[in-house]
C-alpha atoms as a PDB file:
ATOM      1  CA  MET A   1     117.265 118.253 113.780  1.00  0.00           C
ATOM      2  CA  LYS A   2     116.139 116.110 110.836  1.00  0.00           C
ATOM      3  CA  ALA A   3     113.592 114.349 113.060  1.00  0.00           C
ATOM      4  CA  ASN A   4     111.712 117.646 113.587  1.00  0.00           C
ATOM      5  CA  LYS A   5     111.420 118.364 109.892  1.00  0.00           C
ATOM      6  CA  LYS A   6     108.347 117.303 107.940  1.00  0.00           C
ATOM      7  CA  ASP A   7     108.565 114.975 104.957  1.00  0.00           C
ATOM      8  CA  ILE A   8     107.733 117.482 102.210  1.00  0.00           C
ATOM      9  CA  ARG A   9     106.389 114.848  99.816  1.00  0.00           C
ATOM     10  CA  ALA A  10     103.667 113.934 102.296  1.00  0.00           C
ATOM     11  CA  LEU A  11     102.147 117.364 101.492  1.00  0.00           C
ATOM     12  CA  SER A  12      99.642 117.960  98.702  1.00  0.00           C
ATOM     13  CA  LYS A  13     100.067 120.820  96.246  1.00  0.00           C
ATOM     14  CA  LYS A  14      97.434 122.767  98.227  1.00  0.00           C
ATOM     15  CA  ASP A  15      99.366 122.147 101.485  1.00  0.00           C
ATOM     16  CA  LEU A  16     102.517 123.557  99.859  1.00  0.00           C
ATOM     17  CA  GLN A  17     100.656 126.596  98.536  1.00  0.00           C
ATOM     18  CA  ASP A  18      99.201 127.220 102.019  1.00  0.00           C
ATOM     19  CA  PHE A  19     102.679 126.912 103.563  1.00  0.00           C
ATOM     20  CA  PHE A  20     104.032 129.650 101.282  1.00  0.00           C
ATOM     21  CA  VAL A  21     101.043 131.960 101.787  1.00  0.00           C
ATOM     22  CA  SER A  22     101.323 131.587 105.586  1.00  0.00           C
ATOM     23  CA  ASN A  23     105.002 132.563 105.268  1.00  0.00           C
ATOM     24  CA  GLY A  24     104.245 135.715 103.290  1.00  0.00           C
ATOM     25  CA  GLU A  25     105.033 134.269  99.852  1.00  0.00           C
ATOM     26  CA  LYS A  26     102.900 133.809  96.742  1.00  0.00           C
ATOM     27  CA  ALA A  27     100.926 130.571  96.368  1.00  0.00           C
ATOM     28  CA  PHE A  28     102.519 129.791  92.990  1.00  0.00           C
ATOM     29  CA  ARG A  29     105.792 129.046  94.823  1.00  0.00           C
ATOM     30  CA  GLY A  30     104.040 125.937  96.164  1.00  0.00           C
ATOM     31  CA  THR A  31     103.213 124.873  92.602  1.00  0.00           C
ATOM     32  CA  GLN A  32     106.850 125.386  91.570  1.00  0.00           C
ATOM     33  CA  VAL A  33     108.155 123.261  94.452  1.00  0.00           C
ATOM     34  CA  TYR A  34     105.531 120.577  93.766  1.00  0.00           C
ATOM     35  CA  GLU A  35     106.767 120.350  90.154  1.00  0.00           C
ATOM     36  CA  TRP A  36     110.362 119.991  91.290  1.00  0.00           C
ATOM     37  CA  LEU A  37     109.422 117.223  93.712  1.00  0.00           C
ATOM     38  CA  TRP A  38     107.250 115.135  91.403  1.00  0.00           C
ATOM     39  CA  GLN A  39     107.712 115.978  87.715  1.00  0.00           C
ATOM     40  CA  LYS A  40     111.458 116.505  88.001  1.00  0.00           C
ATOM     41  CA  ALA A  41     112.028 114.076  90.908  1.00  0.00           C
ATOM     42  CA  CYS A  42     114.373 116.576  92.550  1.00  0.00           C
ATOM     43  CA  TYR A  43     115.868 115.417  95.863  1.00  0.00           C
ATOM     44  CA  ASP A  44     117.795 118.567  96.820  1.00  0.00           C
ATOM     45  CA  PHE A  45     116.264 121.982  97.567  1.00  0.00           C
ATOM     46  CA  ASN A  46     119.435 123.670  96.276  1.00  0.00           C
ATOM     47  CA  GLU A  47     118.767 122.281  92.798  1.00  0.00           C
ATOM     48  CA  MET A  48     115.410 124.098  92.577  1.00  0.00           C
ATOM     49  CA  THR A  49     116.960 126.799  90.425  1.00  0.00           C
ATOM     50  CA  ASN A  50     113.899 128.999  89.724  1.00  0.00           C
ATOM     51  CA  ILE A  51     113.438 129.601  93.455  1.00  0.00           C
ATOM     52  CA  SER A  52     115.422 132.183  95.432  1.00  0.00           C
ATOM     53  CA  LYS A  53     118.154 131.189  97.874  1.00  0.00           C
ATOM     54  CA  GLU A  54     116.078 132.551 100.799  1.00  0.00           C
ATOM     55  CA  ILE A  55     113.114 130.332  99.914  1.00  0.00           C
ATOM     56  CA  ARG A  56     115.382 127.317  99.473  1.00  0.00           C
ATOM     57  CA  SER A  57     116.822 127.982 102.949  1.00  0.00           C
ATOM     58  CA  MET A  58     113.302 128.236 104.362  1.00  0.00           C
ATOM     59  CA  LEU A  59     112.402 124.870 102.775  1.00  0.00           C
ATOM     60  CA  ASP A  60     115.569 123.319 104.155  1.00  0.00           C
ATOM     61  CA  ALA A  61     114.794 124.629 107.645  1.00  0.00           C
ATOM     62  CA  ASN A  62     111.277 123.139 107.634  1.00  0.00           C
ATOM     63  CA  PHE A  63     111.327 120.046 105.451  1.00  0.00           C
ATOM     64  CA  VAL A  64     113.224 116.970 104.442  1.00  0.00           C
ATOM     65  CA  ILE A  65     113.073 114.916 101.214  1.00  0.00           C
ATOM     66  CA  ASN A  66     113.171 111.244 102.250  1.00  0.00           C
ATOM     67  CA  ASN A  67     114.334 109.947  98.889  1.00  0.00           C
ATOM     68  CA  ILE A  68     115.536 106.424  98.178  1.00  0.00           C
ATOM     69  CA  GLU A  69     119.053 105.585  97.052  1.00  0.00           C
ATOM     70  CA  VAL A  70     120.034 102.718  94.765  1.00  0.00           C
ATOM     71  CA  ASP A  71     122.502 100.988  97.065  1.00  0.00           C
ATOM     72  CA  THR A  72     123.634  98.250  94.667  1.00  0.00           C
ATOM     73  CA  MET A  73     122.661  97.520  91.084  1.00  0.00           C
ATOM     74  CA  GLN A  74     123.134  94.096  89.520  1.00  0.00           C
ATOM     75  CA  ARG A  75     122.850  93.343  85.800  1.00  0.00           C
ATOM     76  CA  SER A  76     121.797  89.908  84.600  1.00  0.00           C
ATOM     77  CA  ASN A  77     123.113  88.123  81.515  1.00  0.00           C
ATOM     78  CA  ASP A  78     119.699  88.729  79.898  1.00  0.00           C
ATOM     79  CA  GLY A  79     119.773  92.517  80.539  1.00  0.00           C
ATOM     80  CA  THR A  80     117.527  92.431  83.618  1.00  0.00           C
ATOM     81  CA  ILE A  81     118.633  94.893  86.312  1.00  0.00           C
ATOM     82  CA  LYS A  82     118.002  94.436  90.043  1.00  0.00           C
ATOM     83  CA  ASN A  83     118.272  97.418  92.386  1.00  0.00           C
ATOM     84  CA  ALA A  84     118.772  97.116  96.102  1.00  0.00           C
ATOM     85  CA  VAL A  85     117.022 100.282  97.191  1.00  0.00           C
ATOM     86  CA  LYS A  86     117.971 101.889 100.492  1.00  0.00           C
ATOM     87  CA  LEU A  87     115.170 103.760 102.280  1.00  0.00           C
ATOM     88  CA  HIS A  88     115.741 106.811 104.476  1.00  0.00           C
ATOM     89  CA  ASP A  89     115.467 104.758 107.682  1.00  0.00           C
ATOM     90  CA  GLY A  90     118.040 102.167 106.602  1.00  0.00           C
ATOM     91  CA  PHE A  91     115.651  99.435 105.418  1.00  0.00           C
ATOM     92  CA  THR A  92     116.232  97.912 101.980  1.00  0.00           C
ATOM     93  CA  VAL A  93     113.770  96.733  99.329  1.00  0.00           C
ATOM     94  CA  GLU A  94     114.355  95.517  95.785  1.00  0.00           C
ATOM     95  CA  SER A  95     113.055  96.567  92.401  1.00  0.00           C
ATOM     96  CA  VAL A  96     113.720  95.150  88.952  1.00  0.00           C
ATOM     97  CA  LEU A  97     113.958  96.429  85.360  1.00  0.00           C
ATOM     98  CA  ILE A  98     112.882  93.814  82.813  1.00  0.00           C
ATOM     99  CA  PRO A  99     113.746  94.806  79.225  1.00  0.00           C
ATOM    100  CA  THR A 100     112.524  93.291  75.951  1.00  0.00           C
ATOM    101  CA  TYR A 101     113.219  94.609  72.469  1.00  0.00           C
ATOM    102  CA  SER A 102     109.945  96.559  72.389  1.00  0.00           C
ATOM    103  CA  ARG A 103     109.342  97.632  76.000  1.00  0.00           C
ATOM    104  CA  THR A 104     110.808  97.919  79.475  1.00  0.00           C
ATOM    105  CA  THR A 105     108.926  96.987  82.629  1.00  0.00           C
ATOM    106  CA  ALA A 106     109.565  98.081  86.224  1.00  0.00           C
ATOM    107  CA  CYS A 107     108.734  95.580  88.946  1.00  0.00           C
ATOM    108  CA  VAL A 108     108.356  97.580  92.176  1.00  0.00           C
ATOM    109  CA  SER A 109     108.032  96.722  95.864  1.00  0.00           C
ATOM    110  CA  SER A 110     105.291  98.006  98.141  1.00  0.00           C
ATOM    111  CA  GLN A 111     106.322  96.675 101.574  1.00  0.00           C
ATOM    112  CA  VAL A 112     109.529  95.971 103.484  1.00  0.00           C
ATOM    113  CA  GLY A 113     109.022  92.212 103.768  1.00  0.00           C
ATOM    114  CA  CYS A 114     105.487  90.902 103.244  1.00  0.00           C
ATOM    115  CA  SER A 115     102.202  90.644 105.157  1.00  0.00           C
ATOM    116  CA  LEU A 116     101.375  87.223 103.677  1.00  0.00           C
ATOM    117  CA  ASP A 117     102.912  83.772 103.998  1.00  0.00           C
ATOM    118  CA  CYS A 118     103.174  82.071 100.593  1.00  0.00           C
ATOM    119  CA  LYS A 119     105.442  79.063 101.078  1.00  0.00           C
ATOM    120  CA  PHE A 120     107.146  79.297  97.667  1.00  0.00           C
ATOM    121  CA  CYS A 121     108.203  82.964  97.868  1.00  0.00           C
ATOM    122  CA  ALA A 122     111.472  84.212  99.363  1.00  0.00           C
ATOM    123  CA  THR A 123     109.976  87.606 100.279  1.00  0.00           C
ATOM    124  CA  ALA A 124     107.249  85.920 102.359  1.00  0.00           C
ATOM    125  CA  GLN A 125     109.941  84.482 104.609  1.00  0.00           C
ATOM    126  CA  LEU A 126     110.822  88.014 105.713  1.00  0.00           C
ATOM    127  CA  LYS A 127     108.270  89.364 108.149  1.00  0.00           C
ATOM    128  CA  ARG A 128     106.583  92.647 107.211  1.00  0.00           C
ATOM    129  CA  LEU A 129     108.565  95.452 108.807  1.00  0.00           C
ATOM    130  CA  ARG A 130     106.626  98.382 107.367  1.00  0.00           C
ATOM    131  CA  ASN A 131     104.661  99.671 104.405  1.00  0.00           C
ATOM    132  CA  LEU A 132     106.375 101.849 101.835  1.00  0.00           C
ATOM    133  CA  ASN A 133     105.184 105.442 101.438  1.00  0.00           C
ATOM    134  CA  ALA A 134     103.854 106.583  98.065  1.00  0.00           C
ATOM    135  CA  ASP A 135     107.017 108.583  97.335  1.00  0.00           C
ATOM    136  CA  GLU A 136     109.240 105.549  98.053  1.00  0.00           C
ATOM    137  CA  ILE A 137     107.330 103.545  95.441  1.00  0.00           C
ATOM    138  CA  TYR A 138     107.437 106.505  93.051  1.00  0.00           C
ATOM    139  CA  ASP A 139     111.217 106.811  93.489  1.00  0.00           C
ATOM    140  CA  GLN A 140     111.711 103.159  92.478  1.00  0.00           C
ATOM    141  CA  VAL A 141     109.917 103.924  89.203  1.00  0.00           C
ATOM    142  CA  VAL A 142     112.003 107.074  88.604  1.00  0.00           C
ATOM    143  CA  ALA A 143     115.264 105.147  89.184  1.00  0.00           C
ATOM    144  CA  ILE A 144     114.224 102.356  86.803  1.00  0.00           C
ATOM    145  CA  ASP A 145     113.091 104.861  84.158  1.00  0.00           C
ATOM    146  CA  GLN A 146     116.573 106.450  84.312  1.00  0.00           C
ATOM    147  CA  GLU A 147     118.214 103.010  83.956  1.00  0.00           C
ATOM    148  CA  SER A 148     115.903 102.124  81.067  1.00  0.00           C
ATOM    149  CA  ARG A 149     116.928 105.296  79.219  1.00  0.00           C
ATOM    150  CA  LEU A 150     120.603 104.708  79.986  1.00  0.00           C
ATOM    151  CA  TYR A 151     120.912 100.984  79.197  1.00  0.00           C
ATOM    152  CA  ASN A 152     118.021 100.361  76.787  1.00  0.00           C
ATOM    153  CA  ASN A 153     117.752 103.734  75.112  1.00  0.00           C
ATOM    154  CA  MET A 154     114.007 103.938  75.773  1.00  0.00           C
ATOM    155  CA  PRO A 155     111.801 105.351  78.532  1.00  0.00           C
ATOM    156  CA  LEU A 156     110.079 102.973  80.913  1.00  0.00           C
ATOM    157  CA  SER A 157     106.880 101.685  79.296  1.00  0.00           C
ATOM    158  CA  ASN A 158     105.202  99.427  81.915  1.00  0.00           C
ATOM    159  CA  ILE A 159     104.989  98.980  85.683  1.00  0.00           C
ATOM    160  CA  VAL A 160     104.023  95.898  87.678  1.00  0.00           C
ATOM    161  CA  TYR A 161     103.413  95.983  91.438  1.00  0.00           C
ATOM    162  CA  MET A 162     104.907  92.517  91.803  1.00  0.00           C
ATOM    163  CA  GLY A 163     107.996  93.137  93.928  1.00  0.00           C
ATOM    164  CA  MET A 164     108.278  92.662  97.684  1.00  0.00           C
ATOM    165  CA  GLY A 165     105.034  92.863  99.649  1.00  0.00           C
ATOM    166  CA  GLU A 166     101.284  92.509  99.111  1.00  0.00           C
ATOM    167  CA  PRO A 167     100.141  95.776  97.465  1.00  0.00           C
ATOM    168  CA  LEU A 168      96.555  95.517  98.748  1.00  0.00           C
ATOM    169  CA  MET A 169      97.845  95.399 102.347  1.00  0.00           C
ATOM    170  CA  ASN A 170      99.310  98.876 101.679  1.00  0.00           C
ATOM    171  CA  TYR A 171      96.256 100.122  99.820  1.00  0.00           C
ATOM    172  CA  LYS A 172      96.364 103.855 100.500  1.00  0.00           C
ATOM    173  CA  ASN A 173     100.027 104.388  99.667  1.00  0.00           C
ATOM    174  CA  VAL A 174      99.955 102.115  96.607  1.00  0.00           C
ATOM    175  CA  LEU A 175      96.984 103.987  95.134  1.00  0.00           C
ATOM    176  CA  LYS A 176      98.560 107.333  95.949  1.00  0.00           C
ATOM    177  CA  SER A 177     101.769 106.262  94.175  1.00  0.00           C
ATOM    178  CA  ILE A 178      99.795 105.247  91.077  1.00  0.00           C
ATOM    179  CA  GLU A 179      97.939 108.564  91.164  1.00  0.00           C
ATOM    180  CA  LYS A 180     101.310 110.406  91.168  1.00  0.00           C
ATOM    181  CA  ILE A 181     102.811 108.156  88.464  1.00  0.00           C
ATOM    182  CA  THR A 182      99.827 108.659  86.139  1.00  0.00           C
ATOM    183  CA  SER A 183      99.269 112.357  86.858  1.00  0.00           C
ATOM    184  CA  PRO A 184     100.371 114.911  84.218  1.00  0.00           C
ATOM    185  CA  GLU A 185     101.985 116.660  87.212  1.00  0.00           C
ATOM    186  CA  GLY A 186     103.964 113.492  87.917  1.00  0.00           C
ATOM    187  CA  LEU A 187     105.320 110.971  85.394  1.00  0.00           C
ATOM    188  CA  GLY A 188     102.254 111.101  83.132  1.00  0.00           C
ATOM    189  CA  MET A 189     102.167 107.348  82.478  1.00  0.00           C
ATOM    190  CA  SER A 190      98.982 105.672  81.304  1.00  0.00           C
ATOM    191  CA  PRO A 191      97.207 103.571  83.981  1.00  0.00           C
ATOM    192  CA  ARG A 192      96.640 100.965  81.241  1.00  0.00           C
ATOM    193  CA  ARG A 193     100.390 100.280  81.423  1.00  0.00           C
ATOM    194  CA  ILE A 194     100.269  99.537  85.161  1.00  0.00           C
ATOM    195  CA  THR A 195      99.373  96.160  86.676  1.00  0.00           C
ATOM    196  CA  LEU A 196      98.779  95.540  90.354  1.00  0.00           C
ATOM    197  CA  SER A 197      99.435  91.922  91.314  1.00  0.00           C
ATOM    198  CA  THR A 198      97.766  90.585  94.435  1.00  0.00           C
ATOM    199  CA  SER A 199      97.683  87.230  96.170  1.00  0.00           C
ATOM    200  CA  GLY A 200      93.961  87.858  96.551  1.00  0.00           C
ATOM    201  CA  VAL A 201      92.445  89.910  99.378  1.00  0.00           C
ATOM    202  CA  PRO A 202      88.703  89.863  98.512  1.00  0.00           C
ATOM    203  CA  LYS A 203      87.624  92.917 100.537  1.00  0.00           C
ATOM    204  CA  MET A 204      90.365  95.056  98.976  1.00  0.00           C
ATOM    205  CA  ILE A 205      89.655  93.814  95.434  1.00  0.00           C
ATOM    206  CA  LYS A 206      86.081  95.045  95.934  1.00  0.00           C
ATOM    207  CA  LYS A 207      87.458  98.364  97.171  1.00  0.00           C
ATOM    208  CA  LEU A 208      89.534  98.682  93.978  1.00  0.00           C
ATOM    209  CA  ALA A 209      86.328  98.173  92.004  1.00  0.00           C
ATOM    210  CA  ASP A 210      84.438 100.744  94.107  1.00  0.00           C
ATOM    211  CA  ASP A 211      87.292 103.214  93.582  1.00  0.00           C
ATOM    212  CA  GLN A 212      86.934 102.692  89.813  1.00  0.00           C
ATOM    213  CA  VAL A 213      90.673 102.247  89.276  1.00  0.00           C
ATOM    214  CA  LYS A 214      91.930 102.362  85.690  1.00  0.00           C
ATOM    215  CA  PHE A 215      94.961 100.071  86.029  1.00  0.00           C
ATOM    216  CA  ASN A 216      95.066  96.294  85.437  1.00  0.00           C
ATOM    217  CA  LEU A 217      94.647  93.550  88.017  1.00  0.00           C
ATOM    218  CA  ALA A 218      96.597  90.293  88.231  1.00  0.00           C
ATOM    219  CA  VAL A 219      95.999  87.573  90.815  1.00  0.00           C
ATOM    220  CA  SER A 220      98.709  85.197  92.000  1.00  0.00           C
ATOM    221  CA  LEU A 221      96.478  82.111  91.924  1.00  0.00           C
ATOM    222  CA  HIS A 222      98.558  78.890  91.621  1.00  0.00           C
ATOM    223  CA  SER A 223      95.645  76.614  92.495  1.00  0.00           C
ATOM    224  CA  ALA A 224      91.870  76.699  92.093  1.00  0.00           C
ATOM    225  CA  ARG A 225      91.378  74.010  94.772  1.00  0.00           C
ATOM    226  CA  ASN A 226      91.090  75.287  98.341  1.00  0.00           C
ATOM    227  CA  GLU A 227      92.919  72.358  99.959  1.00  0.00           C
ATOM    228  CA  VAL A 228      95.925  72.779  97.626  1.00  0.00           C
ATOM    229  CA  ARG A 229      95.966  76.576  97.695  1.00  0.00           C
ATOM    230  CA  THR A 230      95.820  76.662 101.514  1.00  0.00           C
ATOM    231  CA  GLN A 231      98.768  74.264 101.630  1.00  0.00           C
ATOM    232  CA  ILE A 232     100.959  76.556  99.500  1.00  0.00           C
ATOM    233  CA  MET A 233      99.378  79.918 100.459  1.00  0.00           C
ATOM    234  CA  PRO A 234      98.164  79.478 104.069  1.00  0.00           C
ATOM    235  CA  PHE A 235      96.243  82.788 104.146  1.00  0.00           C
ATOM    236  CA  ASN A 236      93.805  81.121 101.689  1.00  0.00           C
ATOM    237  CA  ALA A 237      92.187  79.536 104.777  1.00  0.00           C
ATOM    238  CA  LYS A 238      91.064  83.070 105.727  1.00  0.00           C
ATOM    239  CA  PHE A 239      90.320  84.243 102.150  1.00  0.00           C
ATOM    240  CA  PRO A 240      89.067  81.081 100.383  1.00  0.00           C
ATOM    241  CA  LEU A 241      88.580  80.772  96.641  1.00  0.00           C
ATOM    242  CA  GLU A 242      84.803  81.270  96.919  1.00  0.00           C
ATOM    243  CA  ASP A 243      85.341  84.732  98.419  1.00  0.00           C
ATOM    244  CA  LEU A 244      88.110  85.528  95.947  1.00  0.00           C
ATOM    245  CA  GLY A 245      85.921  84.471  93.009  1.00  0.00           C
ATOM    246  CA  GLU A 246      83.014  86.576  94.250  1.00  0.00           C
ATOM    247  CA  SER A 247      85.252  89.644  94.643  1.00  0.00           C
ATOM    248  CA  LEU A 248      86.599  89.167  91.098  1.00  0.00           C
ATOM    249  CA  GLN A 249      83.064  88.955  89.695  1.00  0.00           C
ATOM    250  CA  TYR A 250      82.328  92.227  91.480  1.00  0.00           C
ATOM    251  CA  TRP A 251      85.555  93.713  90.026  1.00  0.00           C
ATOM    252  CA  TYR A 252      84.499  92.757  86.495  1.00  0.00           C
ATOM    253  CA  GLN A 253      80.927  93.971  87.011  1.00  0.00           C
ATOM    254  CA  GLU A 254      82.134  97.399  88.201  1.00  0.00           C
ATOM    255  CA  THR A 255      85.164  97.953  85.933  1.00  0.00           C
ATOM    256  CA  GLY A 256      84.551  95.785  82.848  1.00  0.00           C
ATOM    257  CA  LYS A 257      88.222  94.753  83.021  1.00  0.00           C
ATOM    258  CA  ALA A 258      89.442  91.184  82.553  1.00  0.00           C
ATOM    259  CA  VAL A 259      91.879  89.717  85.107  1.00  0.00           C
ATOM    260  CA  THR A 260      95.210  87.931  84.623  1.00  0.00           C
ATOM    261  CA  TYR A 261      95.894  84.838  86.721  1.00  0.00           C
ATOM    262  CA  GLU A 262      99.546  84.120  87.516  1.00  0.00           C
ATOM    263  CA  TYR A 263      99.995  80.370  87.842  1.00  0.00           C
ATOM    264  CA  ILE A 264     103.031  78.166  88.564  1.00  0.00           C
ATOM    265  CA  VAL A 265     102.810  74.414  87.950  1.00  0.00           C
ATOM    266  CA  TRP A 266     104.728  72.417  90.583  1.00  0.00           C
ATOM    267  CA  ASP A 267     105.726  68.781  90.474  1.00  0.00           C
ATOM    268  CA  GLY A 268     103.493  66.666  92.730  1.00  0.00           C
ATOM    269  CA  ILE A 269     101.569  69.682  94.079  1.00  0.00           C
ATOM    270  CA  ASN A 270      99.161  71.021  91.439  1.00  0.00           C
ATOM    271  CA  ASP A 271      99.947  68.980  88.309  1.00  0.00           C
ATOM    272  CA  THR A 272      96.978  66.591  88.172  1.00  0.00           C
ATOM    273  CA  ARG A 273      93.986  66.530  85.842  1.00  0.00           C
ATOM    274  CA  GLU A 274      91.825  67.578  88.803  1.00  0.00           C
ATOM    275  CA  ASP A 275      93.947  70.731  89.229  1.00  0.00           C
ATOM    276  CA  ILE A 276      93.585  71.606  85.548  1.00  0.00           C
ATOM    277  CA  LEU A 277      89.790  71.144  85.583  1.00  0.00           C
ATOM    278  CA  ALA A 278      89.470  73.270  88.743  1.00  0.00           C
ATOM    279  CA  LEU A 279      91.397  76.099  87.063  1.00  0.00           C
ATOM    280  CA  ILE A 280      89.197  75.914  83.962  1.00  0.00           C
ATOM    281  CA  GLU A 281      86.082  76.196  86.156  1.00  0.00           C
ATOM    282  CA  PHE A 282      87.548  79.183  88.048  1.00  0.00           C
ATOM    283  CA  CYS A 283      88.387  80.871  84.740  1.00  0.00           C
ATOM    284  CA  LYS A 284      84.723  80.691  83.721  1.00  0.00           C
ATOM    285  CA  LEU A 285      83.754  83.171  86.457  1.00  0.00           C
ATOM    286  CA  ILE A 286      84.873  86.241  84.489  1.00  0.00           C
ATOM    287  CA  PRO A 287      86.863  87.062  81.327  1.00  0.00           C
ATOM    288  CA  CYS A 288      90.496  86.356  82.082  1.00  0.00           C
ATOM    289  CA  LYS A 289      93.828  85.168  80.795  1.00  0.00           C
ATOM    290  CA  VAL A 290      96.331  82.828  82.415  1.00  0.00           C
ATOM    291  CA  ASN A 291     100.092  83.372  82.621  1.00  0.00           C
ATOM    292  CA  LEU A 292     101.812  80.046  83.219  1.00  0.00           C
ATOM    293  CA  ILE A 293     105.025  81.207  84.865  1.00  0.00           C
ATOM    294  CA  GLU A 294     108.251  79.384  85.535  1.00  0.00           C
ATOM    295  CA  TYR A 295     109.123  78.533  89.119  1.00  0.00           C
ATOM    296  CA  ASN A 296     112.224  80.180  90.524  1.00  0.00           C
ATOM    297  CA  PRO A 297     113.718  78.078  93.315  1.00  0.00           C
ATOM    298  CA  ILE A 298     114.405  79.668  96.706  1.00  0.00           C
ATOM    299  CA  ASP A 299     116.704  76.895  98.002  1.00  0.00           C
ATOM    300  CA  ASP A 300     114.203  74.980 100.143  1.00  0.00           C
ATOM    301  CA  GLY A 301     113.837  72.027  97.771  1.00  0.00           C
ATOM    302  CA  ILE A 302     110.130  71.431  98.581  1.00  0.00           C
ATOM    303  CA  PHE A 303     108.871  73.076  95.412  1.00  0.00           C
ATOM    304  CA  LYS A 304     110.041  71.805  92.020  1.00  0.00           C
ATOM    305  CA  GLN A 305     108.975  73.157  88.636  1.00  0.00           C
ATOM    306  CA  GLY A 306     106.369  70.906  87.003  1.00  0.00           C
ATOM    307  CA  SER A 307     107.481  68.902  83.987  1.00  0.00           C
ATOM    308  CA  ASP A 308     107.215  70.321  80.458  1.00  0.00           C
ATOM    309  CA  ASP A 309     104.507  67.731  79.876  1.00  0.00           C
ATOM    310  CA  SER A 310     102.415  68.968  82.870  1.00  0.00           C
ATOM    311  CA  VAL A 311     102.709  72.580  81.704  1.00  0.00           C
ATOM    312  CA  ALA A 312     101.735  71.539  78.154  1.00  0.00           C
ATOM    313  CA  GLN A 313      98.664  69.713  79.512  1.00  0.00           C
ATOM    314  CA  TYR A 314      97.567  72.896  81.293  1.00  0.00           C
ATOM    315  CA  LYS A 315      98.158  74.994  78.177  1.00  0.00           C
ATOM    316  CA  ASN A 316      96.311  72.612  75.843  1.00  0.00           C
ATOM    317  CA  ALA A 317      93.327  72.184  78.187  1.00  0.00           C
ATOM    318  CA  LEU A 318      92.949  75.954  78.718  1.00  0.00           C
ATOM    319  CA  GLU A 319      93.181  76.639  74.978  1.00  0.00           C
ATOM    320  CA  ALA A 320      90.616  73.934  74.288  1.00  0.00           C
ATOM    321  CA  HIS A 321      88.238  75.955  76.489  1.00  0.00           C
ATOM    322  CA  ARG A 322      89.163  79.167  74.647  1.00  0.00           C
ATOM    323  CA  ILE A 323      90.965  80.631  77.630  1.00  0.00           C
ATOM    324  CA  THR A 324      93.917  82.842  76.638  1.00  0.00           C
ATOM    325  CA  VAL A 325      97.114  81.376  78.034  1.00  0.00           C
ATOM    326  CA  THR A 326     100.726  82.566  77.849  1.00  0.00           C
ATOM    327  CA  LEU A 327     103.900  80.747  78.831  1.00  0.00           C
ATOM    328  CA  ARG A 328     106.196  83.142  80.685  1.00  0.00           C
ATOM    329  CA  HIS A 329     109.914  82.458  81.003  1.00  0.00           C
ATOM    330  CA  SER A 330     111.716  83.966  83.961  1.00  0.00           C
ATOM    331  CA  ARG A 331     114.201  86.786  83.604  1.00  0.00           C
ATOM    332  CA  GLY A 332     117.096  87.660  85.901  1.00  0.00           C
ATOM    333  CA  LYS A 333     117.336  84.281  87.629  1.00  0.00           C
ATOM    334  CA  ASP A 334     121.138  84.470  87.800  1.00  0.00           C
ATOM    335  CA  ILE A 335     120.910  87.551  90.079  1.00  0.00           C
ATOM    336  CA  ASP A 336     117.896  86.352  92.147  1.00  0.00           C
ATOM    337  CA  ALA A 337     115.738  88.965  90.406  1.00  0.00           C
ATOM    338  CA  ALA A 338     113.015  86.642  89.121  1.00  0.00           C
ATOM    339  CA  CYS A 339     109.479  86.345  90.504  1.00  0.00           C
ATOM    340  CA  GLY A 340     109.434  85.107  94.088  1.00  0.00           C
ATOM    341  CA  GLN A 341     113.200  85.519  94.585  1.00  0.00           C
ATOM    342  CA  LEU A 342     113.356  89.061  96.012  1.00  0.00           C
ATOM    343  CA  ALA A 343     114.768  88.730  99.515  1.00  0.00           C
ATOM    344  CA  ASN A 344     117.648  91.213  99.773  1.00  0.00           C
ATOM    345  CA  LYS A 345     120.363  88.726  98.829  1.00  0.00           C
ATOM    346  CA  HIS A 346     123.429  90.546  97.485  1.00  0.00           C
END
């Protein structure tokens, strides 16, 4: 029976209003249901208390709410929380709550598995099984907001699309989820508090610019030399740095927004003077900042975190060229919740 029912959250507010009018009800009932679904994140028609029992039965007969469920929740020693999130069809993705004293950040997934093939990332070793729908991304944010209020006594303040999957390979649903998250009829969060992190798909970065998005863009860069980047991120052969750089210049020209480059320094891979100079040149293309992030091992032993000295050389050289640089320490490593570790290990 469930298979014949429509996923109600795939409908727009107008669709819901039309459904009620065509069933002899007032259009405002559609608005009421829409509020329950998005603003109140209600997953059960019977909890929609300002709607009559008959209407709730009619909704139940026609629609289903394919909400996520937090299957397991792990808490790290540093307060980081990792959720294994079960989807309606039995697949699992992961999302993470990263708290600091002044803010809490949700790291959400956009695909089951990943479309790309970065060698250093556990998620990339799972093949892409499907894209997440907008409501499945939205639900991850709602669950983390509830955990933030419960464990940190503050509402969720920031969101990063840095979990499992390449967000730009699920463009439509990712943008729809951000539209719902930022809408006053949804969670009402500011787009300035949302960052989409991509491995760099030039055509889609240009599309973001054309769509005049208001959120922030981060690029998982890790090398500004094609031969090195292709070795660690094989898809770079198809989307080389020249194309990526051109798309980022277009992004800046259209949006006026600086970009953040995520960058891991690995021992014997990208820790030479040549690597540092290449990054400095790439950073000159548009206003940007660099996050030097810690490497989180995924048990293959090929990749080892660069020495403190190598990281310091990067930091000093970037600062000497007046490029903003931040050293980021990983959170949640003890529960495999850190960057690059999300692979459904529980």
